Protein backbone atom coordinates (compact mmCIF):
# COMPACT_ATOMS: atom_id res chain seq x y z
CA MET A 1 18.28 15.48 7.28
CA ARG A 2 14.65 15.42 8.41
CA ARG A 3 12.04 13.63 6.37
CA GLY A 4 8.35 13.03 6.83
CA CYS A 5 6.49 9.89 7.64
CA GLU A 6 6.05 7.48 4.76
CA GLU A 7 4.32 4.32 3.67
CA ILE A 8 6.93 1.53 3.65
CA ILE A 9 4.72 -1.10 2.05
CA ASN A 10 0.96 -1.30 1.63
CA GLY A 11 -0.61 -0.47 5.01
CA VAL A 12 2.70 -0.16 6.92
CA TYR A 13 3.96 3.33 7.75
CA LEU A 14 7.05 4.81 9.36
CA ILE A 15 5.61 7.58 11.56
CA GLY A 16 8.43 8.22 14.02
CA GLY A 17 12.15 7.99 14.47
CA PRO A 18 15.27 10.16 14.52
CA ASN A 19 14.65 11.72 11.10
CA VAL A 20 10.87 11.83 11.42
CA THR A 21 9.97 12.99 14.96
CA GLN A 22 12.89 13.53 17.34
CA ALA A 23 16.47 12.32 17.64
CA ASP A 24 15.98 10.05 20.66
CA ASP A 25 13.01 8.14 19.19
CA ALA A 26 13.61 4.66 17.85
CA ALA A 27 11.68 3.88 14.66
CA VAL A 28 7.91 3.87 15.21
CA TYR A 29 5.77 1.95 12.73
CA LEU A 30 2.01 2.00 12.25
CA ILE A 31 0.16 -0.89 10.64
CA ASP A 32 -3.32 -0.38 9.24
CA PHE A 33 -5.26 -3.65 9.47
CA ALA A 34 -8.30 -2.53 7.43
CA GLY A 35 -9.01 0.40 9.76
CA GLU A 36 -7.71 -1.15 12.99
CA LEU A 37 -4.41 0.57 13.76
CA VAL A 38 -1.46 -1.01 15.57
CA LEU A 39 1.74 0.76 16.60
CA ILE A 40 5.05 -1.06 16.68
CA ASP A 41 7.03 0.80 19.35
CA ALA A 42 6.18 4.24 20.70
CA GLY A 43 9.29 6.44 20.63
CA ALA A 44 11.02 7.98 23.64
CA GLY A 45 7.99 9.88 24.94
CA GLY A 46 8.56 13.48 23.88
CA SER A 47 6.95 13.15 20.47
CA SER A 48 3.51 11.73 21.39
CA SER A 49 1.58 14.59 19.80
CA GLN A 50 3.76 14.52 16.68
CA LEU A 51 3.07 10.79 16.29
CA VAL A 52 -0.66 11.57 16.46
CA ARG A 53 -0.27 14.38 13.89
CA ASN A 54 1.62 12.01 11.61
CA MET A 55 -1.23 9.48 11.79
CA GLU A 56 -3.71 12.22 10.94
CA MET A 57 -1.49 13.52 8.11
CA LEU A 58 -1.71 10.04 6.57
CA GLY A 59 -5.51 10.21 6.80
CA LEU A 60 -5.66 7.70 9.67
CA ASP A 61 -7.72 8.23 12.82
CA PRO A 62 -5.75 7.75 16.06
CA LYS A 63 -9.02 6.73 17.74
CA ALA A 64 -8.76 3.50 15.70
CA LEU A 65 -5.51 2.61 17.51
CA SER A 66 -6.16 -0.74 19.20
CA SER A 67 -2.69 -1.84 20.32
CA VAL A 68 0.89 -0.78 20.89
CA ILE A 69 3.29 -3.68 20.44
CA LEU A 70 6.64 -2.99 22.08
CA THR A 71 9.72 -4.73 20.73
CA HIS A 72 11.57 -4.40 24.04
CA CYS A 73 11.60 -2.37 27.25
CA HIS A 74 14.01 0.50 26.49
CA ILE A 75 12.67 4.04 26.76
CA ASP A 76 13.37 4.99 23.12
CA HIS A 77 10.83 2.29 22.17
CA ILE A 78 8.28 2.57 25.02
CA GLY A 79 8.20 6.27 25.97
CA SER A 80 4.75 7.13 24.59
CA ALA A 81 3.09 3.79 25.38
CA ALA A 82 1.33 5.09 28.51
CA PHE A 83 0.10 8.13 26.55
CA PHE A 84 -1.53 5.96 23.87
CA ARG A 85 -3.05 3.67 26.49
CA GLN A 86 -4.49 6.58 28.47
CA LYS A 87 -5.65 8.79 25.59
CA TYR A 88 -6.87 6.16 23.10
CA GLY A 89 -7.34 3.00 25.17
CA ALA A 90 -4.68 1.15 23.18
CA LYS A 91 -3.69 -2.20 24.65
CA ILE A 92 -0.01 -2.52 25.55
CA VAL A 93 1.72 -5.70 24.36
CA ILE A 94 5.27 -6.79 25.24
CA HIS A 95 7.12 -10.03 25.89
CA GLU A 96 6.71 -11.29 29.45
CA LEU A 97 10.46 -11.09 30.10
CA ASP A 98 10.40 -7.28 29.68
CA ALA A 99 6.94 -6.62 31.15
CA LYS A 100 8.00 -6.02 34.76
CA ALA A 101 10.23 -3.08 33.77
CA LEU A 102 7.17 -1.28 32.37
CA GLU A 103 4.81 -2.33 35.15
CA THR A 104 7.16 -0.96 37.81
CA GLY A 105 8.51 2.03 35.87
CA ASP A 106 12.05 0.75 36.45
CA SER A 107 14.28 3.61 35.25
CA VAL A 108 17.36 1.37 35.04
CA ARG A 109 15.83 -1.53 33.07
CA THR A 110 13.95 0.86 30.78
CA ALA A 111 17.15 2.95 30.38
CA ALA A 112 15.08 6.06 31.18
CA ASN A 113 17.90 7.18 33.47
CA TRP A 114 20.27 7.28 30.45
CA TYR A 115 17.90 9.80 28.86
CA GLY A 116 17.54 11.85 32.05
CA THR A 117 13.86 11.01 32.32
CA THR A 118 11.45 8.60 34.00
CA PHE A 119 8.83 6.15 32.78
CA PRO A 120 5.48 5.87 34.59
CA PRO A 121 4.45 2.41 35.78
CA THR A 122 2.26 1.15 32.94
CA LYS A 123 -0.24 -1.71 32.87
CA ILE A 124 0.51 -4.44 30.35
CA ASP A 125 -2.60 -5.82 28.68
CA ARG A 126 -0.98 -8.75 26.88
CA LYS A 127 2.27 -10.50 27.72
CA LEU A 128 3.77 -12.47 24.87
CA THR A 129 5.26 -15.81 25.89
CA GLY A 130 7.64 -18.26 24.35
CA ALA A 131 9.45 -18.11 21.03
CA GLN A 132 6.54 -16.95 18.89
CA GLU A 133 2.95 -15.88 19.12
CA THR A 134 0.31 -14.86 16.61
CA LEU A 135 -1.91 -11.84 17.23
CA THR A 136 -5.11 -11.31 15.25
CA PHE A 137 -6.36 -7.89 14.15
CA GLY A 138 -9.63 -8.12 12.25
CA SER A 139 -9.06 -10.87 9.71
CA GLU A 140 -5.27 -10.36 9.62
CA GLU A 141 -2.56 -12.10 11.61
CA LEU A 142 0.67 -10.62 12.93
CA HIS A 143 3.38 -13.10 13.85
CA CYS A 144 5.54 -11.98 16.79
CA LEU A 145 8.92 -13.65 17.18
CA HIS A 146 10.91 -13.51 20.41
CA THR A 147 14.37 -12.23 19.48
CA PRO A 148 16.14 -11.39 22.74
CA GLY A 149 19.15 -9.13 22.39
CA HIS A 150 20.16 -6.33 24.71
CA THR A 151 17.08 -6.99 26.88
CA PRO A 152 15.62 -10.39 27.85
CA GLY A 153 12.33 -9.81 26.03
């Protein structure tokens, strides 16, 4: 069953994922920090324009996208990161232990080869370090916790 994007809690939206954009996208969340937009993950790459349309459908301007925070380096989470960096100037943020996979476009570590695709080498603007880090967007803080699982970062 396909459903549309939705506001999860005040200022936090689900804008992508298997039932929202395409089947191979992991969940993609958008946080509105008083007009400064931040994506949490970026889907598998094939739904970039749908993610933009979903932002616009919610009345949010993709040009206000400042950052894409990636939870880990697998393609279903990072696929559209390069698109958002190139088109909107969004800064790419990921834990340092997964950064090299994106910077080199490693199709094994990103699992792009499992999806029959590739991932372009992508510049990382901010590498998270250690067990936790706090990012500031406007007057709001976002606490990032390192929770390694099926990737180091």
